Amino acid sequence: MSYNKVEICGVNTAKLKTLTDEEKRALLIKCKEGDASARQELIDGNLRLVLSIIQRFANRKENLDDLFQVGCIGLIKAVDNFNTDLDVKFSTYAVPMIIGEVKRYLRDNNAIRVSRSVRDLAYRALQIRELLAQTADAEPTVDDILSYMEKNGESHTKEEVVAALEAIVEPVSLFDPVYGDGASTDSVYVMDQLRDEAAGEEAWLESISLKEALKNLNEREKTILGMRFYRGKTQMEIASEIGISQAQVSRLEKAALERIKKQL
């Protein structure tokens, strides 16, 4: 998907207008007075802000039109709820509102479905964490969140809160880039950082040696070992299928395994 498209949801992004802080302030005051045209002008004048924010989610492979619409919902909420009495720039208030709306959309549309009750608990815990962070000197812990919940008559265990917070974390794709200099051939992906401790270089080399040893077996020996160890058949079943005695199957199997062991 291209994140450089000019037209999004029927809007020509190349022609998006911008407003000065003074113009925004004047329009916000008119909005509070019920001026619908001022509200629309304020929304149109901040669509470029929405566009810049959704670019942050480019690596999520989400539909750009959908993200833009969701971001506009956050923008509209910011317009309708902004307090003109505060000495705060509109963009300072709108940015987290837009980001929050987009993140909420991504969580609710996660490929891994999470129950509503678990999501609600996770969002409640995040809300409390943000609230506590405003007055705390350090990042609030799960115990701090639980303590706040208990004081407000909410009963949850530590395990429930931790599980809920982990449930809404967006899963990481093995093909997500960890580092890249712009050239896809030089990018480092998540899968490049993984290692199987049970299958290190020694196991890898043993696998290569085993394949080489199997190449030296004749077709009948390969067939017997394949049926015996990959298809789980007994020596009697193998004998019946290939038309020899069970004793012959046993001798051929034993001889083939001995040769493999010597080569390994």
C-alpha atoms as a PDB file:
ATOM      1  CA  MET A   1       0.000   0.000   0.000  1.00  0.00           C
ATOM      2  CA  SER A   2       1.240   3.435  -0.883  1.00  0.00           C
ATOM      3  CA  TYR A   3       1.434   6.070   1.830  1.00  0.00           C
ATOM      4  CA  ASN A   4       2.227   8.759  -0.704  1.00  0.00           C
ATOM      5  CA  LYS A   5      -1.172   8.807  -2.419  1.00  0.00           C
ATOM      6  CA  VAL A   6      -2.524  12.264  -3.132  1.00  0.00           C
ATOM      7  CA  GLU A   7      -6.224  11.562  -2.723  1.00  0.00           C
ATOM      8  CA  ILE A   8      -7.509  10.067   0.534  1.00  0.00           C
ATOM      9  CA  CYS A   9     -11.227   9.517   1.116  1.00  0.00           C
ATOM     10  CA  GLY A  10     -11.921  11.858  -1.782  1.00  0.00           C
ATOM     11  CA  VAL A  11      -9.754  14.605  -0.265  1.00  0.00           C
ATOM     12  CA  ASN A  12      -6.879  15.989  -2.333  1.00  0.00           C
ATOM     13  CA  THR A  13      -4.120  16.087   0.287  1.00  0.00           C
ATOM     14  CA  ALA A  14      -1.950  18.273  -1.939  1.00  0.00           C
ATOM     15  CA  LYS A  15      -4.495  21.054  -1.556  1.00  0.00           C
ATOM     16  CA  LEU A  16      -5.103  20.832   2.190  1.00  0.00           C
ATOM     17  CA  LYS A  17      -5.053  24.277   3.739  1.00  0.00           C
ATOM     18  CA  THR A  18      -3.488  25.236   7.050  1.00  0.00           C
ATOM     19  CA  LEU A  19      -4.572  27.730   9.683  1.00  0.00           C
ATOM     20  CA  THR A  20      -2.516  29.991  11.919  1.00  0.00           C
ATOM     21  CA  ASP A  21      -2.873  29.732  15.704  1.00  0.00           C
ATOM     22  CA  GLU A  22      -4.790  33.021  15.697  1.00  0.00           C
ATOM     23  CA  GLU A  23      -7.221  31.741  13.065  1.00  0.00           C
ATOM     24  CA  LYS A  24      -7.737  28.533  15.008  1.00  0.00           C
ATOM     25  CA  ARG A  25      -8.431  30.441  18.215  1.00  0.00           C
ATOM     26  CA  ALA A  26     -10.973  32.685  16.490  1.00  0.00           C
ATOM     27  CA  LEU A  27     -12.748  29.719  14.885  1.00  0.00           C
ATOM     28  CA  LEU A  28     -12.797  27.785  18.167  1.00  0.00           C
ATOM     29  CA  ILE A  29     -14.537  30.686  19.893  1.00  0.00           C
ATOM     30  CA  LYS A  30     -17.133  30.780  17.115  1.00  0.00           C
ATOM     31  CA  CYS A  31     -17.589  27.006  17.432  1.00  0.00           C
ATOM     32  CA  LYS A  32     -18.444  27.372  21.106  1.00  0.00           C
ATOM     33  CA  GLU A  33     -21.051  29.937  20.095  1.00  0.00           C
ATOM     34  CA  GLY A  34     -22.668  27.368  17.804  1.00  0.00           C
ATOM     35  CA  ASP A  35     -21.303  28.502  14.456  1.00  0.00           C
ATOM     36  CA  ALA A  36     -21.452  25.345  12.289  1.00  0.00           C
ATOM     37  CA  SER A  37     -19.545  26.878   9.373  1.00  0.00           C
ATOM     38  CA  ALA A  38     -16.664  27.856  11.695  1.00  0.00           C
ATOM     39  CA  ARG A  39     -16.599  24.285  13.030  1.00  0.00           C
ATOM     40  CA  GLN A  40     -16.353  22.866   9.507  1.00  0.00           C
ATOM     41  CA  GLU A  41     -13.643  25.360   8.550  1.00  0.00           C
ATOM     42  CA  LEU A  42     -11.661  24.409  11.642  1.00  0.00           C
ATOM     43  CA  ILE A  43     -11.926  20.702  10.815  1.00  0.00           C
ATOM     44  CA  ASP A  44     -10.903  21.285   7.178  1.00  0.00           C
ATOM     45  CA  GLY A  45      -8.003  23.435   8.311  1.00  0.00           C
ATOM     46  CA  ASN A  46      -6.578  20.644  10.488  1.00  0.00           C
ATOM     47  CA  LEU A  47      -6.830  17.681   8.112  1.00  0.00           C
ATOM     48  CA  ARG A  48      -3.123  18.046   7.361  1.00  0.00           C
ATOM     49  CA  LEU A  49      -2.505  17.402  11.072  1.00  0.00           C
ATOM     50  CA  VAL A  50      -4.487  14.158  10.809  1.00  0.00           C
ATOM     51  CA  LEU A  51      -2.509  13.164   7.720  1.00  0.00           C
ATOM     52  CA  SER A  52       0.829  13.739   9.459  1.00  0.00           C
ATOM     53  CA  ILE A  53      -0.241  11.640  12.451  1.00  0.00           C
ATOM     54  CA  ILE A  54      -1.427   8.586  10.534  1.00  0.00           C
ATOM     55  CA  GLN A  55       1.932   8.476   8.741  1.00  0.00           C
ATOM     56  CA  ARG A  56       3.327   7.221  12.069  1.00  0.00           C
ATOM     57  CA  PHE A  57       1.321   4.032  11.611  1.00  0.00           C
ATOM     58  CA  ALA A  58       2.624   3.351   8.092  1.00  0.00           C
ATOM     59  CA  ASN A  59       4.309   0.080   9.111  1.00  0.00           C
ATOM     60  CA  ARG A  60       0.996  -1.377  10.277  1.00  0.00           C
ATOM     61  CA  LYS A  61      -0.098  -2.152   6.705  1.00  0.00           C
ATOM     62  CA  GLU A  62      -3.549  -0.704   7.481  1.00  0.00           C
ATOM     63  CA  ASN A  63      -5.784   0.880   4.855  1.00  0.00           C
ATOM     64  CA  LEU A  64      -4.829   4.552   4.702  1.00  0.00           C
ATOM     65  CA  ASP A  65      -8.369   5.704   3.954  1.00  0.00           C
ATOM     66  CA  ASP A  66      -9.654   3.921   7.073  1.00  0.00           C
ATOM     67  CA  LEU A  67      -6.953   5.419   9.283  1.00  0.00           C
ATOM     68  CA  PHE A  68      -7.630   8.879   7.902  1.00  0.00           C
ATOM     69  CA  GLN A  69     -11.336   8.597   8.682  1.00  0.00           C
ATOM     70  CA  VAL A  70     -10.615   7.385  12.207  1.00  0.00           C
ATOM     71  CA  GLY A  71      -8.121  10.226  12.687  1.00  0.00           C
ATOM     72  CA  CYS A  72     -10.802  12.700  11.565  1.00  0.00           C
ATOM     73  CA  ILE A  73     -13.100  11.345  14.284  1.00  0.00           C
ATOM     74  CA  GLY A  74     -10.384  12.154  16.832  1.00  0.00           C
ATOM     75  CA  LEU A  75     -10.022  15.619  15.315  1.00  0.00           C
ATOM     76  CA  ILE A  76     -13.772  16.267  15.540  1.00  0.00           C
ATOM     77  CA  LYS A  77     -13.774  15.163  19.182  1.00  0.00           C
ATOM     78  CA  ALA A  78     -10.907  17.570  19.838  1.00  0.00           C
ATOM     79  CA  VAL A  79     -12.795  20.429  18.168  1.00  0.00           C
ATOM     80  CA  ASP A  80     -15.984  19.747  20.119  1.00  0.00           C
ATOM     81  CA  ASN A  81     -14.287  19.296  23.502  1.00  0.00           C
ATOM     82  CA  PHE A  82     -11.527  21.921  23.411  1.00  0.00           C
ATOM     83  CA  ASN A  83     -11.665  24.418  26.268  1.00  0.00           C
ATOM     84  CA  THR A  84     -10.971  27.895  24.879  1.00  0.00           C
ATOM     85  CA  ASP A  85     -10.457  29.230  28.423  1.00  0.00           C
ATOM     86  CA  LEU A  86      -7.181  27.339  28.736  1.00  0.00           C
ATOM     87  CA  ASP A  87      -3.925  28.798  27.462  1.00  0.00           C
ATOM     88  CA  VAL A  88      -3.156  25.762  25.314  1.00  0.00           C
ATOM     89  CA  LYS A  89      -2.596  25.472  21.589  1.00  0.00           C
ATOM     90  CA  PHE A  90      -5.283  23.519  19.790  1.00  0.00           C
ATOM     91  CA  SER A  91      -2.733  21.182  18.154  1.00  0.00           C
ATOM     92  CA  THR A  92      -1.292  20.337  21.596  1.00  0.00           C
ATOM     93  CA  TYR A  93      -4.732  19.112  22.630  1.00  0.00           C
ATOM     94  CA  ALA A  94      -5.731  17.555  19.293  1.00  0.00           C
ATOM     95  CA  VAL A  95      -2.652  15.401  18.634  1.00  0.00           C
ATOM     96  CA  PRO A  96      -3.131  12.966  21.575  1.00  0.00           C
ATOM     97  CA  MET A  97      -6.871  12.851  20.835  1.00  0.00           C
ATOM     98  CA  ILE A  98      -6.226  11.800  17.231  1.00  0.00           C
ATOM     99  CA  ILE A  99      -3.500   9.309  18.189  1.00  0.00           C
ATOM    100  CA  GLY A 100      -5.746   7.830  20.877  1.00  0.00           C
ATOM    101  CA  GLU A 101      -8.587   7.354  18.406  1.00  0.00           C
ATOM    102  CA  VAL A 102      -6.312   5.627  15.893  1.00  0.00           C
ATOM    103  CA  LYS A 103      -4.786   3.358  18.544  1.00  0.00           C
ATOM    104  CA  ARG A 104      -8.246   2.444  19.826  1.00  0.00           C
ATOM    105  CA  TYR A 105      -9.276   1.510  16.294  1.00  0.00           C
ATOM    106  CA  LEU A 106      -6.172  -0.638  15.818  1.00  0.00           C
ATOM    107  CA  ARG A 107      -6.713  -2.411  19.140  1.00  0.00           C
ATOM    108  CA  ASP A 108     -10.376  -3.127  18.427  1.00  0.00           C
ATOM    109  CA  ASN A 109      -9.508  -4.440  14.966  1.00  0.00           C
ATOM    110  CA  ASN A 110      -6.616  -6.565  16.128  1.00  0.00           C
ATOM    111  CA  ALA A 111      -6.158  -9.824  14.206  1.00  0.00           C
ATOM    112  CA  ILE A 112      -6.238 -11.590  17.586  1.00  0.00           C
ATOM    113  CA  ARG A 113      -9.717 -11.196  19.036  1.00  0.00           C
ATOM    114  CA  VAL A 114      -9.853 -10.140  22.680  1.00  0.00           C
ATOM    115  CA  SER A 115     -13.079 -10.265  24.704  1.00  0.00           C
ATOM    116  CA  ARG A 116     -14.821  -6.982  25.494  1.00  0.00           C
ATOM    117  CA  SER A 117     -14.446  -7.441  29.258  1.00  0.00           C
ATOM    118  CA  VAL A 118     -10.679  -7.971  28.959  1.00  0.00           C
ATOM    119  CA  ARG A 119     -10.319  -4.916  26.689  1.00  0.00           C
ATOM    120  CA  ASP A 120     -12.373  -2.799  29.083  1.00  0.00           C
ATOM    121  CA  LEU A 121     -10.178  -3.846  32.009  1.00  0.00           C
ATOM    122  CA  ALA A 122      -7.019  -3.090  30.031  1.00  0.00           C
ATOM    123  CA  TYR A 123      -8.269   0.364  28.988  1.00  0.00           C
ATOM    124  CA  ARG A 124      -9.309   1.093  32.566  1.00  0.00           C
ATOM    125  CA  ALA A 125      -5.831   0.115  33.797  1.00  0.00           C
ATOM    126  CA  LEU A 126      -4.216   2.343  31.150  1.00  0.00           C
ATOM    127  CA  GLN A 127      -6.491   5.224  32.132  1.00  0.00           C
ATOM    128  CA  ILE A 128      -5.512   4.852  35.795  1.00  0.00           C
ATOM    129  CA  ARG A 129      -1.832   4.602  34.876  1.00  0.00           C
ATOM    130  CA  GLU A 130      -2.010   7.864  32.937  1.00  0.00           C
ATOM    131  CA  LEU A 131      -3.854   9.492  35.822  1.00  0.00           C
ATOM    132  CA  LEU A 132      -1.288   8.350  38.387  1.00  0.00           C
ATOM    133  CA  ALA A 133       1.613   9.323  36.121  1.00  0.00           C
ATOM    134  CA  GLN A 134       0.529  12.965  36.316  1.00  0.00           C
ATOM    135  CA  THR A 135       1.359  13.118  40.029  1.00  0.00           C
ATOM    136  CA  ALA A 136       3.892  10.309  40.485  1.00  0.00           C
ATOM    137  CA  ASP A 137       7.673  10.752  40.281  1.00  0.00           C
ATOM    138  CA  ALA A 138       8.085   7.342  38.628  1.00  0.00           C
ATOM    139  CA  GLU A 139       6.139   5.177  36.219  1.00  0.00           C
ATOM    140  CA  PRO A 140       3.126   3.673  38.080  1.00  0.00           C
ATOM    141  CA  THR A 141       3.369  -0.072  38.661  1.00  0.00           C
ATOM    142  CA  VAL A 142       0.639  -2.688  38.419  1.00  0.00           C
ATOM    143  CA  ASP A 143       0.474  -2.657  42.233  1.00  0.00           C
ATOM    144  CA  ASP A 144      -0.172   1.107  42.139  1.00  0.00           C
ATOM    145  CA  ILE A 145      -2.985   0.547  39.641  1.00  0.00           C
ATOM    146  CA  LEU A 146      -4.496  -2.209  41.797  1.00  0.00           C
ATOM    147  CA  SER A 147      -4.299   0.001  44.882  1.00  0.00           C
ATOM    148  CA  TYR A 148      -6.161   2.783  43.058  1.00  0.00           C
ATOM    149  CA  MET A 149      -8.805   0.306  41.901  1.00  0.00           C
ATOM    150  CA  GLU A 150      -9.342  -1.026  45.413  1.00  0.00           C
ATOM    151  CA  LYS A 151      -9.811   2.495  46.780  1.00  0.00           C
ATOM    152  CA  ASN A 152     -12.525   3.025  44.181  1.00  0.00           C
ATOM    153  CA  GLY A 153     -14.326  -0.234  44.891  1.00  0.00           C
ATOM    154  CA  GLU A 154     -12.964  -2.153  41.901  1.00  0.00           C
ATOM    155  CA  SER A 155     -11.911  -5.719  42.592  1.00  0.00           C
ATOM    156  CA  HIS A 156      -9.351  -7.355  40.307  1.00  0.00           C
ATOM    157  CA  THR A 157      -6.334  -9.574  40.861  1.00  0.00           C
ATOM    158  CA  LYS A 158      -2.851  -8.662  39.731  1.00  0.00           C
ATOM    159  CA  GLU A 159      -2.881 -11.581  37.299  1.00  0.00           C
ATOM    160  CA  GLU A 160      -6.106 -10.321  35.680  1.00  0.00           C
ATOM    161  CA  VAL A 161      -4.745  -6.813  35.154  1.00  0.00           C
ATOM    162  CA  VAL A 162      -1.403  -8.042  33.778  1.00  0.00           C
ATOM    163  CA  ALA A 163      -3.132 -10.510  31.436  1.00  0.00           C
ATOM    164  CA  ALA A 164      -5.517  -7.797  30.188  1.00  0.00           C
ATOM    165  CA  LEU A 165      -2.666  -5.368  29.460  1.00  0.00           C
ATOM    166  CA  GLU A 166      -0.737  -8.059  27.612  1.00  0.00           C
ATOM    167  CA  ALA A 167      -3.838  -9.069  25.624  1.00  0.00           C
ATOM    168  CA  ILE A 168      -4.187  -5.685  23.918  1.00  0.00           C
ATOM    169  CA  VAL A 169      -0.538  -5.430  22.912  1.00  0.00           C
ATOM    170  CA  GLU A 170      -0.335  -5.532  19.129  1.00  0.00           C
ATOM    171  CA  PRO A 171       1.301  -8.765  17.936  1.00  0.00           C
ATOM    172  CA  VAL A 172       4.615  -8.333  16.143  1.00  0.00           C
ATOM    173  CA  SER A 173       5.106  -9.834  12.717  1.00  0.00           C
ATOM    174  CA  LEU A 174       8.272 -11.809  12.020  1.00  0.00           C
ATOM    175  CA  PHE A 175       8.648  -9.631   8.945  1.00  0.00           C
ATOM    176  CA  ASP A 176       8.442  -6.282  10.780  1.00  0.00           C
ATOM    177  CA  PRO A 177      11.668  -4.340  10.205  1.00  0.00           C
ATOM    178  CA  VAL A 178      13.846  -3.754  13.256  1.00  0.00           C
ATOM    179  CA  TYR A 179      16.357  -1.679  11.330  1.00  0.00           C
ATOM    180  CA  GLY A 180      16.626  -0.513   7.750  1.00  0.00           C
ATOM    181  CA  ASP A 181      18.496   2.130   5.803  1.00  0.00           C
ATOM    182  CA  GLY A 182      15.780   2.466   3.194  1.00  0.00           C
ATOM    183  CA  ALA A 183      16.912  -0.450   1.057  1.00  0.00           C
ATOM    184  CA  SER A 184      14.785  -3.539   1.619  1.00  0.00           C
ATOM    185  CA  THR A 185      17.718  -5.853   0.934  1.00  0.00           C
ATOM    186  CA  ASP A 186      19.651  -4.387   3.856  1.00  0.00           C
ATOM    187  CA  SER A 187      16.768  -4.304   6.349  1.00  0.00           C
ATOM    188  CA  VAL A 188      16.956  -6.343   9.547  1.00  0.00           C
ATOM    189  CA  TYR A 189      13.675  -8.034  10.478  1.00  0.00           C
ATOM    190  CA  VAL A 190      12.361  -9.522  13.717  1.00  0.00           C
ATOM    191  CA  MET A 191      12.928 -13.042  12.418  1.00  0.00           C
ATOM    192  CA  ASP A 192      16.623 -12.205  11.936  1.00  0.00           C
ATOM    193  CA  GLN A 193      16.913 -11.568  15.675  1.00  0.00           C
ATOM    194  CA  LEU A 194      15.402 -14.903  16.761  1.00  0.00           C
ATOM    195  CA  ARG A 195      17.416 -17.889  17.743  1.00  0.00           C
ATOM    196  CA  ASP A 196      16.458 -21.447  18.623  1.00  0.00           C
ATOM    197  CA  GLU A 197      18.719 -22.461  21.478  1.00  0.00           C
ATOM    198  CA  ALA A 198      17.735 -26.115  20.934  1.00  0.00           C
ATOM    199  CA  ALA A 199      18.798 -26.003  17.305  1.00  0.00           C
ATOM    200  CA  GLY A 200      22.075 -24.168  17.135  1.00  0.00           C
ATOM    201  CA  GLU A 201      24.975 -24.575  14.750  1.00  0.00           C
ATOM    202  CA  GLU A 202      25.719 -28.086  15.999  1.00  0.00           C
ATOM    203  CA  ALA A 203      22.179 -29.308  15.250  1.00  0.00           C
ATOM    204  CA  TRP A 204      22.266 -27.554  11.886  1.00  0.00           C
ATOM    205  CA  LEU A 205      25.506 -29.290  10.943  1.00  0.00           C
ATOM    206  CA  GLU A 206      24.126 -32.638  12.115  1.00  0.00           C
ATOM    207  CA  SER A 207      21.094 -32.121   9.887  1.00  0.00           C
ATOM    208  CA  ILE A 208      23.348 -31.522   6.876  1.00  0.00           C
ATOM    209  CA  SER A 209      25.420 -34.608   7.724  1.00  0.00           C
ATOM    210  CA  LEU A 210      22.284 -36.729   8.036  1.00  0.00           C
ATOM    211  CA  LYS A 211      21.016 -35.628   4.634  1.00  0.00           C
ATOM    212  CA  GLU A 212      24.388 -36.479   3.083  1.00  0.00           C
ATOM    213  CA  ALA A 213      24.375 -39.907   4.767  1.00  0.00           C
ATOM    214  CA  LEU A 214      20.870 -40.665   3.492  1.00  0.00           C
ATOM    215  CA  LYS A 215      21.988 -39.937  -0.072  1.00  0.00           C
ATOM    216  CA  ASN A 216      24.379 -42.923   0.137  1.00  0.00           C
ATOM    217  CA  LEU A 217      21.568 -45.401   0.845  1.00  0.00           C
ATOM    218  CA  ASN A 218      19.926 -47.378  -1.933  1.00  0.00           C
ATOM    219  CA  GLU A 219      16.279 -46.769  -2.833  1.00  0.00           C
ATOM    220  CA  ARG A 220      14.957 -49.761  -0.859  1.00  0.00           C
ATOM    221  CA  GLU A 221      16.801 -48.671   2.289  1.00  0.00           C
ATOM    222  CA  LYS A 222      15.509 -45.102   1.906  1.00  0.00           C
ATOM    223  CA  THR A 223      11.964 -46.427   1.452  1.00  0.00           C
ATOM    224  CA  ILE A 224      12.162 -48.612   4.553  1.00  0.00           C
ATOM    225  CA  LEU A 225      13.558 -45.842   6.777  1.00  0.00           C
ATOM    226  CA  GLY A 226      11.012 -43.368   5.415  1.00  0.00           C
ATOM    227  CA  MET A 227       8.086 -45.706   6.143  1.00  0.00           C
ATOM    228  CA  ARG A 228       9.534 -46.695   9.519  1.00  0.00           C
ATOM    229  CA  PHE A 229      10.460 -43.328  11.026  1.00  0.00           C
ATOM    230  CA  TYR A 230       8.463 -40.735   9.069  1.00  0.00           C
ATOM    231  CA  ARG A 231       5.228 -42.629   8.488  1.00  0.00           C
ATOM    232  CA  GLY A 232       5.341 -44.632  11.730  1.00  0.00           C
ATOM    233  CA  LYS A 233       4.783 -48.059  10.193  1.00  0.00           C
ATOM    234  CA  THR A 234       5.800 -51.349  11.822  1.00  0.00           C
ATOM    235  CA  GLN A 235       8.258 -53.767  10.215  1.00  0.00           C
ATOM    236  CA  MET A 236       5.378 -56.156   9.502  1.00  0.00           C
ATOM    237  CA  GLU A 237       3.408 -53.432   7.684  1.00  0.00           C
ATOM    238  CA  ILE A 238       6.454 -52.452   5.650  1.00  0.00           C
ATOM    239  CA  ALA A 239       7.116 -56.070   4.736  1.00  0.00           C
ATOM    240  CA  SER A 240       3.545 -56.483   3.551  1.00  0.00           C
ATOM    241  CA  GLU A 241       3.669 -53.330   1.429  1.00  0.00           C
ATOM    242  CA  ILE A 242       6.967 -53.923  -0.355  1.00  0.00           C
ATOM    243  CA  GLY A 243       6.607 -57.724  -0.632  1.00  0.00           C
ATOM    244  CA  ILE A 244       9.473 -59.062   1.502  1.00  0.00           C
ATOM    245  CA  SER A 245       9.677 -60.785   4.869  1.00  0.00           C
ATOM    246  CA  GLN A 246       9.737 -59.002   8.213  1.00  0.00           C
ATOM    247  CA  ALA A 247      13.172 -60.484   8.875  1.00  0.00           C
ATOM    248  CA  GLN A 248      14.504 -58.921   5.664  1.00  0.00           C
ATOM    249  CA  VAL A 249      13.028 -55.550   6.623  1.00  0.00           C
ATOM    250  CA  SER A 250      14.731 -55.817  10.017  1.00  0.00           C
ATOM    251  CA  ARG A 251      18.135 -56.655   8.470  1.00  0.00           C
ATOM    252  CA  LEU A 252      17.903 -53.863   5.888  1.00  0.00           C
ATOM    253  CA  GLU A 253      16.822 -51.332   8.508  1.00  0.00           C
ATOM    254  CA  LYS A 254      19.630 -52.303  10.870  1.00  0.00           C
ATOM    255  CA  ALA A 255      22.266 -52.196   8.120  1.00  0.00           C
ATOM    256  CA  ALA A 256      21.081 -48.783   6.893  1.00  0.00           C
ATOM    257  CA  LEU A 257      21.165 -47.308  10.406  1.00  0.00           C
ATOM    258  CA  GLU A 258      24.632 -48.695  11.013  1.00  0.00           C
ATOM    259  CA  ARG A 259      25.944 -47.070   7.830  1.00  0.00           C
ATOM    260  CA  ILE A 260      24.366 -43.736   8.778  1.00  0.00           C
ATOM    261  CA  LYS A 261      25.955 -43.882  12.239  1.00  0.00           C
ATOM    262  CA  LYS A 262      29.400 -44.516  10.792  1.00  0.00           C
ATOM    263  CA  GLN A 263      29.111 -41.543   8.426  1.00  0.00           C
ATOM    264  CA  LEU A 264      27.901 -39.262  11.202  1.00  0.00           C
END
